[in-house]
Amino acid sequence: MRKGWRACQSNWTGTSEKSNAGFANGGIRTSPQRSLNSVK
């Protein structure tokens, strides 16, 4: 349950592990720079 909550909530900010993995493999959704700008 907790894992499902975290996976879904990471979609709200676009910083899920799948997003980062997709970026590394060329399937871009949210770049590290964009995530950093969002945090700032």
PDB file of all heavy atoms in Angstrom:
ATOM      1  N   MET A   1       0.830  -1.200   0.000  1.00  0.00           N
ATOM      2  CA  MET A   1       0.000   0.000   0.000  1.00  0.00           C
ATOM      3  C   MET A   1       0.868   1.255   0.000  1.00  0.00           C
ATOM      4  O   MET A   1       0.640   2.194  -0.728  1.00  0.00           O
ATOM      5  CB  MET A   1      -0.912  -0.021   1.233  1.00  0.00           C
ATOM      6  CG  MET A   1      -1.841   1.193   1.302  1.00  0.00           C
ATOM      7  SD  MET A   1      -2.901   1.150   2.764  1.00  0.00           S
ATOM      8  CE  MET A   1      -3.845  -0.324   2.416  1.00  0.00           C
ATOM      9  N   ARG A   2       1.878   1.269   0.900  1.00  0.00           N
ATOM     10  CA  ARG A   2       2.770   2.422   0.963  1.00  0.00           C
ATOM     11  C   ARG A   2       3.529   2.597  -0.333  1.00  0.00           C
ATOM     12  O   ARG A   2       3.760   3.704  -0.805  1.00  0.00           O
ATOM     13  CB  ARG A   2       3.738   2.237   2.145  1.00  0.00           C
ATOM     14  CG  ARG A   2       4.817   3.297   2.239  1.00  0.00           C
ATOM     15  CD  ARG A   2       4.236   4.680   2.391  1.00  0.00           C
ATOM     16  NE  ARG A   2       3.399   4.787   3.565  1.00  0.00           N
ATOM     17  CZ  ARG A   2       2.761   5.869   3.909  1.00  0.00           C
ATOM     18  NH1 ARG A   2       2.838   6.944   3.130  1.00  0.00           N
ATOM     19  NH2 ARG A   2       2.002   5.899   4.983  1.00  0.00           N
ATOM     20  N   LYS A   3       3.942   1.478  -0.939  1.00  0.00           N
ATOM     21  CA  LYS A   3       4.675   1.559  -2.198  1.00  0.00           C
ATOM     22  C   LYS A   3       3.796   2.133  -3.297  1.00  0.00           C
ATOM     23  O   LYS A   3       4.237   2.935  -4.120  1.00  0.00           O
ATOM     24  CB  LYS A   3       5.170   0.160  -2.591  1.00  0.00           C
ATOM     25  CG  LYS A   3       6.064   0.168  -3.824  1.00  0.00           C
ATOM     26  CD  LYS A   3       6.598  -1.223  -4.094  1.00  0.00           C
ATOM     27  CE  LYS A   3       7.519  -1.221  -5.324  1.00  0.00           C
ATOM     28  NZ  LYS A   3       8.024  -2.579  -5.612  1.00  0.00           N
ATOM     29  N   GLY A   4       2.532   1.711  -3.322  1.00  0.00           N
ATOM     30  CA  GLY A   4       1.608   2.238  -4.323  1.00  0.00           C
ATOM     31  C   GLY A   4       1.376   3.718  -4.131  1.00  0.00           C
ATOM     32  O   GLY A   4       1.311   4.494  -5.078  1.00  0.00           O
ATOM     33  N   TRP A   5       1.268   4.138  -2.851  1.00  0.00           N
ATOM     34  CA  TRP A   5       1.087   5.569  -2.547  1.00  0.00           C
ATOM     35  C   TRP A   5       2.255   6.388  -3.070  1.00  0.00           C
ATOM     36  O   TRP A   5       2.101   7.420  -3.679  1.00  0.00           O
ATOM     37  CB  TRP A   5       0.941   5.721  -1.042  1.00  0.00           C
ATOM     38  CG  TRP A   5       1.085   7.125  -0.540  1.00  0.00           C
ATOM     39  CD1 TRP A   5       2.231   7.781  -0.232  1.00  0.00           C
ATOM     40  CD2 TRP A   5       0.027   8.050  -0.286  1.00  0.00           C
ATOM     41  NE1 TRP A   5       1.958   9.043   0.192  1.00  0.00           N
ATOM     42  CE2 TRP A   5       0.615   9.237   0.174  1.00  0.00           C
ATOM     43  CE3 TRP A   5      -1.363   7.987  -0.398  1.00  0.00           C
ATOM     44  CZ2 TRP A   5      -0.135  10.347   0.521  1.00  0.00           C
ATOM     45  CZ3 TRP A   5      -2.105   9.096  -0.049  1.00  0.00           C
ATOM     46  CH2 TRP A   5      -1.498  10.249   0.402  1.00  0.00           C
ATOM     47  N   ARG A   6       3.475   5.893  -2.821  1.00  0.00           N
ATOM     48  CA  ARG A   6       4.655   6.648  -3.247  1.00  0.00           C
ATOM     49  C   ARG A   6       4.757   6.714  -4.751  1.00  0.00           C
ATOM     50  O   ARG A   6       5.127   7.731  -5.328  1.00  0.00           O
ATOM     51  CB  ARG A   6       5.909   5.996  -2.664  1.00  0.00           C
ATOM     52  CG  ARG A   6       6.010   6.161  -1.155  1.00  0.00           C
ATOM     53  CD  ARG A   6       7.290   5.546  -0.621  1.00  0.00           C
ATOM     54  NE  ARG A   6       7.406   5.745   0.814  1.00  0.00           N
ATOM     55  CZ  ARG A   6       8.407   5.266   1.537  1.00  0.00           C
ATOM     56  NH1 ARG A   6       9.353   4.551   0.948  1.00  0.00           N
ATOM     57  NH2 ARG A   6       8.451   5.504   2.836  1.00  0.00           N
ATOM     58  N   ALA A   7       4.451   5.588  -5.403  1.00  0.00           N
ATOM     59  CA  ALA A   7       4.533   5.574  -6.868  1.00  0.00           C
ATOM     60  C   ALA A   7       3.556   6.547  -7.476  1.00  0.00           C
ATOM     61  O   ALA A   7       3.880   7.257  -8.423  1.00  0.00           O
ATOM     62  CB  ALA A   7       4.260   4.155  -7.386  1.00  0.00           C
ATOM     63  N   CYS A   8       2.348   6.606  -6.919  1.00  0.00           N
ATOM     64  CA  CYS A   8       1.338   7.516  -7.460  1.00  0.00           C
ATOM     65  C   CYS A   8       1.683   8.954  -7.138  1.00  0.00           C
ATOM     66  O   CYS A   8       1.539   9.841  -7.962  1.00  0.00           O
ATOM     67  CB  CYS A   8      -0.040   7.185  -6.880  1.00  0.00           C
ATOM     68  SG  CYS A   8      -0.640   5.563  -7.385  1.00  0.00           S
ATOM     69  N   GLN A   9       2.163   9.188  -5.906  1.00  0.00           N
ATOM     70  CA  GLN A   9       2.429  10.563  -5.518  1.00  0.00           C
ATOM     71  C   GLN A   9       3.629  11.130  -6.248  1.00  0.00           C
ATOM     72  O   GLN A   9       3.719  12.326  -6.487  1.00  0.00           O
ATOM     73  CB  GLN A   9       2.658  10.630  -4.011  1.00  0.00           C
ATOM     74  CG  GLN A   9       2.390  12.014  -3.439  1.00  0.00           C
ATOM     75  CD  GLN A   9       2.251  11.966  -1.944  1.00  0.00           C
ATOM     76  OE1 GLN A   9       2.914  11.160  -1.296  1.00  0.00           O
ATOM     77  NE2 GLN A   9       1.421  12.827  -1.392  1.00  0.00           N
ATOM     78  N   SER A  10       4.554  10.264  -6.653  1.00  0.00           N
ATOM     79  CA  SER A  10       5.691  10.757  -7.425  1.00  0.00           C
ATOM     80  C   SER A  10       5.254  11.280  -8.770  1.00  0.00           C
ATOM     81  O   SER A  10       5.920  12.117  -9.367  1.00  0.00           O
ATOM     82  CB  SER A  10       6.724   9.639  -7.614  1.00  0.00           C
ATOM     83  OG  SER A  10       6.169   8.581  -8.375  1.00  0.00           O
ATOM     84  N   ASN A  11       4.102  10.779  -9.279  1.00  0.00           N
ATOM     85  CA  ASN A  11       3.574  11.300 -10.536  1.00  0.00           C
ATOM     86  C   ASN A  11       3.148  12.744 -10.410  1.00  0.00           C
ATOM     87  O   ASN A  11       3.115  13.482 -11.387  1.00  0.00           O
ATOM     88  CB  ASN A  11       2.370  10.458 -11.001  1.00  0.00           C
ATOM     89  CG  ASN A  11       2.795   9.148 -11.617  1.00  0.00           C
ATOM     90  OD1 ASN A  11       3.792   9.098 -12.332  1.00  0.00           O
ATOM     91  ND2 ASN A  11       2.050   8.089 -11.343  1.00  0.00           N
ATOM     92  N   TRP A  12       2.786  13.195  -9.197  1.00  0.00           N
ATOM     93  CA  TRP A  12       2.343  14.566  -9.023  1.00  0.00           C
ATOM     94  C   TRP A  12       3.479  15.542  -9.293  1.00  0.00           C
ATOM     95  O   TRP A  12       3.259  16.653  -9.741  1.00  0.00           O
ATOM     96  CB  TRP A  12       1.845  14.790  -7.600  1.00  0.00           C
ATOM     97  CG  TRP A  12       0.666  13.971  -7.244  1.00  0.00           C
ATOM     98  CD1 TRP A  12      -0.120  13.263  -8.105  1.00  0.00           C
ATOM     99  CD2 TRP A  12       0.133  13.744  -5.941  1.00  0.00           C
ATOM    100  NE1 TRP A  12      -1.111  12.636  -7.419  1.00  0.00           N
ATOM    101  CE2 TRP A  12      -0.977  12.906  -6.091  1.00  0.00           C
ATOM    102  CE3 TRP A  12       0.487  14.177  -4.676  1.00  0.00           C
ATOM    103  CZ2 TRP A  12      -1.733  12.492  -5.017  1.00  0.00           C
ATOM    104  CZ3 TRP A  12      -0.267  13.761  -3.609  1.00  0.00           C
ATOM    105  CH2 TRP A  12      -1.369  12.927  -3.778  1.00  0.00           C
ATOM    106  N   THR A  13       4.697  15.156  -8.936  1.00  0.00           N
ATOM    107  CA  THR A  13       5.827  16.061  -9.106  1.00  0.00           C
ATOM    108  C   THR A  13       6.723  15.687 -10.256  1.00  0.00           C
ATOM    109  O   THR A  13       7.656  16.410 -10.583  1.00  0.00           O
ATOM    110  CB  THR A  13       6.676  16.093  -7.817  1.00  0.00           C
ATOM    111  OG1 THR A  13       7.090  14.758  -7.526  1.00  0.00           O
ATOM    112  CG2 THR A  13       5.863  16.639  -6.641  1.00  0.00           C
ATOM    113  N   GLY A  14       6.466  14.575 -10.890  1.00  0.00           N
ATOM    114  CA  GLY A  14       7.256  14.176 -12.044  1.00  0.00           C
ATOM    115  C   GLY A  14       8.657  13.730 -11.680  1.00  0.00           C
ATOM    116  O   GLY A  14       9.598  13.924 -12.441  1.00  0.00           O
ATOM    117  N   THR A  15       8.857  13.127 -10.508  1.00  0.00           N
ATOM    118  CA  THR A  15      10.193  12.725 -10.092  1.00  0.00           C
ATOM    119  C   THR A  15      10.246  11.244  -9.757  1.00  0.00           C
ATOM    120  O   THR A  15      11.002  10.822  -8.897  1.00  0.00           O
ATOM    121  CB  THR A  15      10.634  13.538  -8.864  1.00  0.00           C
ATOM    122  OG1 THR A  15       9.651  13.391  -7.834  1.00  0.00           O
ATOM    123  CG2 THR A  15      10.784  15.005  -9.211  1.00  0.00           C
ATOM    124  N   SER A  16       9.418  10.447 -10.390  1.00  0.00           N
ATOM    125  CA  SER A  16       9.401   9.025 -10.083  1.00  0.00           C
ATOM    126  C   SER A  16      10.662   8.349 -10.595  1.00  0.00           C
ATOM    127  O   SER A  16      11.359   8.848 -11.467  1.00  0.00           O
ATOM    128  CB  SER A  16       8.169   8.368 -10.720  1.00  0.00           C
ATOM    129  OG  SER A  16       8.270   8.416 -12.123  1.00  0.00           O
ATOM    130  N   GLU A  17      10.950   7.163 -10.040  1.00  0.00           N
ATOM    131  CA  GLU A  17      12.127   6.420 -10.469  1.00  0.00           C
ATOM    132  C   GLU A  17      11.991   6.006 -11.921  1.00  0.00           C
ATOM    133  O   GLU A  17      12.969   5.950 -12.656  1.00  0.00           O
ATOM    134  CB  GLU A  17      12.292   5.205  -9.564  1.00  0.00           C
ATOM    135  CG  GLU A  17      12.619   5.578  -8.117  1.00  0.00           C
ATOM    136  CD  GLU A  17      12.751   4.350  -7.255  1.00  0.00           C
ATOM    137  OE1 GLU A  17      12.625   3.242  -7.812  1.00  0.00           O
ATOM    138  OE2 GLU A  17      12.983   4.495  -6.053  1.00  0.00           O
ATOM    139  N   LYS A  18      10.768   5.694 -12.362  1.00  0.00           N
ATOM    140  CA  LYS A  18      10.571   5.316 -13.753  1.00  0.00           C
ATOM    141  C   LYS A  18      10.889   6.475 -14.678  1.00  0.00           C
ATOM    142  O   LYS A  18      11.400   6.275 -15.777  1.00  0.00           O
ATOM    143  CB  LYS A  18       9.119   4.862 -13.964  1.00  0.00           C
ATOM    144  CG  LYS A  18       8.818   3.505 -13.358  1.00  0.00           C
ATOM    145  CD  LYS A  18       7.444   3.025 -13.781  1.00  0.00           C
ATOM    146  CE  LYS A  18       7.181   1.621 -13.254  1.00  0.00           C
ATOM    147  NZ  LYS A  18       5.880   1.119 -13.690  1.00  0.00           N
ATOM    148  N   SER A  19      10.588   7.693 -14.242  1.00  0.00           N
ATOM    149  CA  SER A  19      10.894   8.858 -15.062  1.00  0.00           C
ATOM    150  C   SER A  19      12.400   8.996 -15.244  1.00  0.00           C
ATOM    151  O   SER A  19      12.885   9.273 -16.335  1.00  0.00           O
ATOM    152  CB  SER A  19      10.330  10.125 -14.413  1.00  0.00           C
ATOM    153  OG  SER A  19       8.936  10.052 -14.321  1.00  0.00           O
ATOM    154  N   ASN A  20      13.142   8.840 -14.141  1.00  0.00           N
ATOM    155  CA  ASN A  20      14.592   8.968 -14.225  1.00  0.00           C
ATOM    156  C   ASN A  20      15.184   7.850 -15.066  1.00  0.00           C
ATOM    157  O   ASN A  20      16.138   8.060 -15.826  1.00  0.00           O
ATOM    158  CB  ASN A  20      15.187   8.953 -12.812  1.00  0.00           C
ATOM    159  CG  ASN A  20      14.779  10.179 -12.030  1.00  0.00           C
ATOM    160  OD1 ASN A  20      14.523  11.230 -12.617  1.00  0.00           O
ATOM    161  ND2 ASN A  20      14.712  10.063 -10.705  1.00  0.00           N
ATOM    162  N   ALA A  21      14.635   6.647 -14.916  1.00  0.00           N
ATOM    163  CA  ALA A  21      15.135   5.542 -15.718  1.00  0.00           C
ATOM    164  C   ALA A  21      14.838   5.776 -17.187  1.00  0.00           C
ATOM    165  O   ALA A  21      15.657   5.488 -18.064  1.00  0.00           O
ATOM    166  CB  ALA A  21      14.494   4.230 -15.250  1.00  0.00           C
ATOM    167  N   GLY A  22      13.651   6.293 -17.461  1.00  0.00           N
ATOM    168  CA  GLY A  22      13.287   6.593 -18.850  1.00  0.00           C
ATOM    169  C   GLY A  22      14.205   7.631 -19.438  1.00  0.00           C
ATOM    170  O   GLY A  22      14.568   7.578 -20.612  1.00  0.00           O
ATOM    171  N   PHE A  23      14.612   8.601 -18.635  1.00  0.00           N
ATOM    172  CA  PHE A  23      15.533   9.626 -19.118  1.00  0.00           C
ATOM    173  C   PHE A  23      16.884   9.026 -19.476  1.00  0.00           C
ATOM    174  O   PHE A  23      17.498   9.362 -20.482  1.00  0.00           O
ATOM    175  CB  PHE A  23      15.698  10.703 -18.038  1.00  0.00           C
ATOM    176  CG  PHE A  23      16.718  11.751 -18.401  1.00  0.00           C
ATOM    177  CD1 PHE A  23      16.416  12.730 -19.322  1.00  0.00           C
ATOM    178  CD2 PHE A  23      17.974  11.740 -17.821  1.00  0.00           C
ATOM    179  CE1 PHE A  23      17.349  13.693 -19.657  1.00  0.00           C
ATOM    180  CE2 PHE A  23      18.915  12.689 -18.152  1.00  0.00           C
ATOM    181  CZ  PHE A  23      18.605  13.678 -19.068  1.00  0.00           C
ATOM    182  N   ALA A  24      17.322   8.105 -18.645  1.00  0.00           N
ATOM    183  CA  ALA A  24      18.628   7.495 -18.898  1.00  0.00           C
ATOM    184  C   ALA A  24      18.617   6.651 -20.162  1.00  0.00           C
ATOM    185  O   ALA A  24      19.627   6.525 -20.856  1.00  0.00           O
ATOM    186  CB  ALA A  24      19.039   6.635 -17.694  1.00  0.00           C
ATOM    187  N   ASN A  25      17.463   6.060 -20.478  1.00  0.00           N
ATOM    188  CA  ASN A  25      17.360   5.203 -21.650  1.00  0.00           C
ATOM    189  C   ASN A  25      16.857   5.936 -22.891  1.00  0.00           C
ATOM    190  O   ASN A  25      16.559   5.306 -23.893  1.00  0.00           O
ATOM    191  CB  ASN A  25      16.412   4.039 -21.342  1.00  0.00           C
ATOM    192  CG  ASN A  25      16.957   3.136 -20.265  1.00  0.00           C
ATOM    193  OD1 ASN A  25      18.165   2.917 -20.212  1.00  0.00           O
ATOM    194  ND2 ASN A  25      16.087   2.618 -19.409  1.00  0.00           N
ATOM    195  N   GLY A  26      16.716   7.226 -22.781  1.00  0.00           N
ATOM    196  CA  GLY A  26      16.281   8.002 -23.929  1.00  0.00           C
ATOM    197  C   GLY A  26      14.802   8.267 -23.962  1.00  0.00           C
ATOM    198  O   GLY A  26      14.318   9.040 -24.781  1.00  0.00           O
ATOM    199  N   GLY A  27      14.016   7.643 -23.072  1.00  0.00           N
ATOM    200  CA  GLY A  27      12.574   7.888 -23.017  1.00  0.00           C
ATOM    201  C   GLY A  27      12.289   9.046 -22.089  1.00  0.00           C
ATOM    202  O   GLY A  27      11.887   8.863 -20.955  1.00  0.00           O
ATOM    203  N   ILE A  28      12.527  10.242 -22.532  1.00  0.00           N
ATOM    204  CA  ILE A  28      12.480  11.415 -21.660  1.00  0.00           C
ATOM    205  C   ILE A  28      11.057  11.729 -21.239  1.00  0.00           C
ATOM    206  O   ILE A  28      10.158  11.771 -22.037  1.00  0.00           O
ATOM    207  CB  ILE A  28      13.079  12.646 -22.376  1.00  0.00           C
ATOM    208  CG1 ILE A  28      14.540  12.385 -22.684  1.00  0.00           C
ATOM    209  CG2 ILE A  28      12.921  13.888 -21.516  1.00  0.00           C
ATOM    210  CD1 ILE A  28      15.202  13.514 -23.430  1.00  0.00           C
ATOM    211  N   ARG A  29      10.897  11.971 -19.946  1.00  0.00           N
ATOM    212  CA  ARG A  29       9.678  12.586 -19.467  1.00  0.00           C
ATOM    213  C   ARG A  29      10.011  13.842 -18.671  1.00  0.00           C
ATOM    214  O   ARG A  29       9.489  14.896 -18.907  1.00  0.00           O
ATOM    215  CB  ARG A  29       8.897  11.612 -18.581  1.00  0.00           C
ATOM    216  CG  ARG A  29       7.614  12.253 -18.092  1.00  0.00           C
ATOM    217  CD  ARG A  29       6.929  11.414 -17.054  1.00  0.00           C
ATOM    218  NE  ARG A  29       6.160  12.283 -16.189  1.00  0.00           N
ATOM    219  CZ  ARG A  29       5.690  11.935 -15.026  1.00  0.00           C
ATOM    220  NH1 ARG A  29       5.933  10.732 -14.564  1.00  0.00           N
ATOM    221  NH2 ARG A  29       4.993  12.756 -14.307  1.00  0.00           N
ATOM    222  N   THR A  30      10.911  13.730 -17.683  1.00  0.00           N
ATOM    223  CA  THR A  30      11.318  14.870 -16.890  1.00  0.00           C
ATOM    224  C   THR A  30      12.834  14.829 -16.720  1.00  0.00           C
ATOM    225  O   THR A  30      13.354  13.922 -16.111  1.00  0.00           O
ATOM    226  CB  THR A  30      10.659  14.846 -15.501  1.00  0.00           C
ATOM    227  OG1 THR A  30       9.237  14.822 -15.662  1.00  0.00           O
ATOM    228  CG2 THR A  30      11.042  16.081 -14.721  1.00  0.00           C
ATOM    229  N   SER A  31      13.520  15.822 -17.252  1.00  0.00           N
ATOM    230  CA  SER A  31      14.969  15.853 -17.171  1.00  0.00           C
ATOM    231  C   SER A  31      15.407  16.260 -15.773  1.00  0.00           C
ATOM    232  O   SER A  31      14.661  16.920 -15.054  1.00  0.00           O
ATOM    233  CB  SER A  31      15.524  16.851 -18.188  1.00  0.00           C
ATOM    234  OG  SER A  31      15.145  18.166 -17.847  1.00  0.00           O
ATOM    235  N   PRO A  32      16.653  15.884 -15.373  1.00  0.00           N
ATOM    236  CA  PRO A  32      17.142  16.295 -14.059  1.00  0.00           C
ATOM    237  C   PRO A  32      17.170  17.812 -13.902  1.00  0.00           C
ATOM    238  O   PRO A  32      16.871  18.323 -12.825  1.00  0.00           O
ATOM    239  CB  PRO A  32      18.555  15.690 -14.025  1.00  0.00           C
ATOM    240  CG  PRO A  32      18.500  14.537 -14.962  1.00  0.00           C
ATOM    241  CD  PRO A  32      17.573  14.960 -16.052  1.00  0.00           C
ATOM    242  N   GLN A  33      17.515  18.529 -14.958  1.00  0.00           N
ATOM    243  CA  GLN A  33      17.567  19.984 -14.880  1.00  0.00           C
ATOM    244  C   GLN A  33      16.183  20.569 -14.643  1.00  0.00           C
ATOM    245  O   GLN A  33      16.011  21.504 -13.853  1.00  0.00           O
ATOM    246  CB  GLN A  33      18.160  20.562 -16.169  1.00  0.00           C
ATOM    247  CG  GLN A  33      18.326  22.098 -16.133  1.00  0.00           C
ATOM    248  CD  GLN A  33      19.251  22.538 -15.024  1.00  0.00           C
ATOM    249  OE1 GLN A  33      20.295  21.934 -14.781  1.00  0.00           O
ATOM    250  NE2 GLN A  33      18.870  23.580 -14.307  1.00  0.00           N
ATOM    251  N   ARG A  34      15.174  19.988 -15.313  1.00  0.00           N
ATOM    252  CA  ARG A  34      13.808  20.480 -15.123  1.00  0.00           C
ATOM    253  C   ARG A  34      13.345  20.205 -13.713  1.00  0.00           C
ATOM    254  O   ARG A  34      12.663  21.031 -13.087  1.00  0.00           O
ATOM    255  CB  ARG A  34      12.865  19.820 -16.130  1.00  0.00           C
ATOM    256  CG  ARG A  34      11.431  20.322 -16.043  1.00  0.00           C
ATOM    257  CD  ARG A  34      10.564  19.653 -17.089  1.00  0.00           C
ATOM    258  NE  ARG A  34      11.038  19.939 -18.425  1.00  0.00           N
ATOM    259  CZ  ARG A  34      10.633  19.309 -19.514  1.00  0.00           C
ATOM    260  NH1 ARG A  34       9.741  18.325 -19.399  1.00  0.00           N
ATOM    261  NH2 ARG A  34      11.102  19.622 -20.698  1.00  0.00           N
ATOM    262  N   SER A  35      13.689  19.031 -13.163  1.00  0.00           N
ATOM    263  CA  SER A  35      13.319  18.716 -11.793  1.00  0.00           C
ATOM    264  C   SER A  35      13.994  19.666 -10.818  1.00  0.00           C
ATOM    265  O   SER A  35      13.385  20.122  -9.850  1.00  0.00           O
ATOM    266  CB  SER A  35      13.708  17.269 -11.466  1.00  0.00           C
ATOM    267  OG  SER A  35      12.998  16.364 -12.282  1.00  0.00           O
ATOM    268  N   LEU A  36      15.266  19.980 -11.074  1.00  0.00           N
ATOM    269  CA  LEU A  36      15.983  20.912 -10.216  1.00  0.00           C
ATOM    270  C   LEU A  36      15.343  22.296 -10.265  1.00  0.00           C
ATOM    271  O   LEU A  36      15.188  22.953  -9.233  1.00  0.00           O
ATOM    272  CB  LEU A  36      17.449  20.989 -10.649  1.00  0.00           C
ATOM    273  CG  LEU A  36      18.349  21.941  -9.833  1.00  0.00           C
ATOM    274  CD1 LEU A  36      18.379  21.505  -8.374  1.00  0.00           C
ATOM    275  CD2 LEU A  36      19.757  21.967 -10.417  1.00  0.00           C
ATOM    276  N   ASN A  37      14.949  22.725 -11.450  1.00  0.00           N
ATOM    277  CA  ASN A  37      14.287  24.029 -11.581  1.00  0.00           C
ATOM    278  C   ASN A  37      12.952  24.042 -10.843  1.00  0.00           C
ATOM    279  O   ASN A  37      12.574  25.056 -10.254  1.00  0.00           O
ATOM    280  CB  ASN A  37      14.072  24.362 -13.053  1.00  0.00           C
ATOM    281  CG  ASN A  37      15.369  24.646 -13.781  1.00  0.00           C
ATOM    282  OD1 ASN A  37      16.375  25.000 -13.159  1.00  0.00           O
ATOM    283  ND2 ASN A  37      15.364  24.498 -15.091  1.00  0.00           N
ATOM    284  N   SER A  38      12.259  22.915 -10.879  1.00  0.00           N
ATOM    285  CA  SER A  38      10.980  22.825 -10.174  1.00  0.00           C
ATOM    286  C   SER A  38      11.177  22.942  -8.666  1.00  0.00           C
ATOM    287  O   SER A  38      10.401  23.600  -7.975  1.00  0.00           O
ATOM    288  CB  SER A  38      10.281  21.505 -10.501  1.00  0.00           C
ATOM    289  OG  SER A  38       9.947  21.432 -11.867  1.00  0.00           O
ATOM    290  N   VAL A  39      12.227  22.309  -8.149  1.00  0.00           N
ATOM    291  CA  VAL A  39      12.515  22.384  -6.722  1.00  0.00           C
ATOM    292  C   VAL A  39      12.863  23.816  -6.331  1.00  0.00           C
ATOM    293  O   VAL A  39      12.400  24.333  -5.307  1.00  0.00           O
ATOM    294  CB  VAL A  39      13.665  21.427  -6.351  1.00  0.00           C
ATOM    295  CG1 VAL A  39      14.064  21.623  -4.890  1.00  0.00           C
ATOM    296  CG2 VAL A  39      13.246  19.982  -6.579  1.00  0.00           C
ATOM    297  N   LYS A  40      13.662  24.480  -7.151  1.00  0.00           N
ATOM    298  CA  LYS A  40      14.038  25.862  -6.862  1.00  0.00           C
ATOM    299  C   LYS A  40      12.812  26.771  -6.842  1.00  0.00           C
ATOM    300  O   LYS A  40      12.667  27.613  -5.955  1.00  0.00           O
ATOM    301  CB  LYS A  40      15.038  26.357  -7.912  1.00  0.00           C
ATOM    302  CG  LYS A  40      16.412  25.724  -7.816  1.00  0.00           C
ATOM    303  CD  LYS A  40      17.322  26.267  -8.914  1.00  0.00           C
ATOM    304  CE  LYS A  40      18.713  25.660  -8.824  1.00  0.00           C
ATOM    305  NZ  LYS A  40      19.600  26.153  -9.925  1.00  0.00           N
TER     306      LYS A  40
END
